Amino acid sequence: MSLIHTSSLPDVDIPEMSITDYVFHKASAYPDRIAVSDGAGNQYTFAELEQASRSLAGGLAAQGMGPGTCIALMAPNLPQFPVV
Protein backbone atom coordinates (compact mmCIF):
# COMPACT_ATOMS: atom_id res chain seq x y z
CA MET A 1 0.00 0.00 0.00
CA SER A 2 1.33 3.43 -0.84
CA LEU A 3 0.16 6.86 0.13
CA ILE A 4 0.47 9.82 -2.16
CA HIS A 5 0.34 13.24 -0.58
CA THR A 6 -0.73 16.14 -2.72
CA SER A 7 0.04 19.59 -1.38
CA SER A 8 -2.60 22.26 -1.27
CA LEU A 9 0.12 24.83 -1.96
CA PRO A 10 0.92 26.00 -5.49
CA ASP A 11 3.65 24.28 -7.48
CA VAL A 12 7.19 25.49 -6.91
CA ASP A 13 9.23 26.72 -9.86
CA ILE A 14 12.53 24.82 -9.83
CA PRO A 15 15.25 26.68 -11.74
CA GLU A 16 17.36 24.90 -14.36
CA MET A 17 20.65 25.19 -12.46
CA SER A 18 22.63 23.28 -9.88
CA ILE A 19 21.98 23.95 -6.21
CA THR A 20 25.47 25.45 -5.95
CA ASP A 21 24.81 27.87 -8.80
CA TYR A 22 21.46 28.73 -7.23
CA VAL A 23 22.99 29.51 -3.83
CA PHE A 24 25.82 31.55 -5.36
CA HIS A 25 23.31 33.48 -7.49
CA LYS A 26 21.17 34.21 -4.43
CA ALA A 27 24.29 35.22 -2.48
CA SER A 28 24.94 37.89 -5.11
CA ALA A 29 21.36 39.09 -5.18
CA TYR A 30 20.41 38.71 -1.50
CA PRO A 31 23.56 38.25 0.60
CA ASP A 32 21.93 39.06 3.94
CA ARG A 33 18.81 36.93 3.54
CA ILE A 34 18.55 33.73 5.55
CA ALA A 35 19.28 30.71 3.35
CA VAL A 36 19.17 27.94 5.95
CA SER A 37 17.69 27.84 9.44
CA ASP A 38 17.06 24.98 11.82
CA GLY A 39 14.40 26.70 13.90
CA ALA A 40 16.62 26.67 16.99
CA GLY A 41 18.41 29.88 16.10
CA ASN A 42 21.20 28.38 13.99
CA GLN A 43 21.19 29.87 10.53
CA TYR A 44 23.24 30.87 7.49
CA THR A 45 22.67 33.82 5.21
CA PHE A 46 23.20 33.23 1.50
CA ALA A 47 26.56 35.05 1.73
CA GLU A 48 27.66 32.92 4.70
CA LEU A 49 26.57 29.75 2.93
CA GLU A 50 28.52 30.72 -0.18
CA GLN A 51 31.64 31.56 1.84
CA ALA A 52 31.46 28.32 3.82
CA SER A 53 30.97 26.30 0.62
CA ARG A 54 33.91 27.98 -1.09
CA SER A 55 36.06 27.47 2.01
CA LEU A 56 35.22 23.77 2.15
CA ALA A 57 35.89 23.41 -1.58
CA GLY A 58 39.26 25.11 -1.15
CA GLY A 59 40.15 22.80 1.71
CA LEU A 60 39.20 19.72 -0.28
CA ALA A 61 41.17 20.98 -3.29
CA ALA A 62 44.20 21.56 -1.06
CA GLN A 63 43.98 17.88 -0.11
CA GLY A 64 44.07 16.89 -3.79
CA MET A 65 40.35 16.39 -4.28
CA GLY A 66 38.58 17.82 -7.29
CA PRO A 67 35.76 17.22 -9.75
CA GLY A 68 35.04 13.51 -10.02
CA THR A 69 36.62 12.65 -6.67
CA CYS A 70 34.34 10.53 -4.49
CA ILE A 71 34.19 11.38 -0.82
CA ALA A 72 31.97 10.13 1.98
CA LEU A 73 30.04 12.30 4.38
CA MET A 74 28.66 11.21 7.71
CA ALA A 75 26.94 14.08 9.44
CA PRO A 76 23.85 14.79 11.51
CA ASN A 77 21.06 16.95 10.16
CA LEU A 78 22.47 20.41 10.92
CA PRO A 79 22.25 23.78 9.18
CA GLN A 80 25.90 23.29 8.17
CA PHE A 81 24.98 20.25 6.06
CA PRO A 82 24.13 22.29 2.91
CA VAL A 83 27.68 23.65 2.90
CA VAL A 84 28.76 20.32 1.51
Foldseek 3Di string as FASTA:
>chain_A
DDDDDDDPDDDDDDDPDDPLVVLVVCCVVPVQQWDFDDVPPDTHGSVRLNVLLVVVQVVCVVVVDDPPDDDDDDDDPDRNVSSD
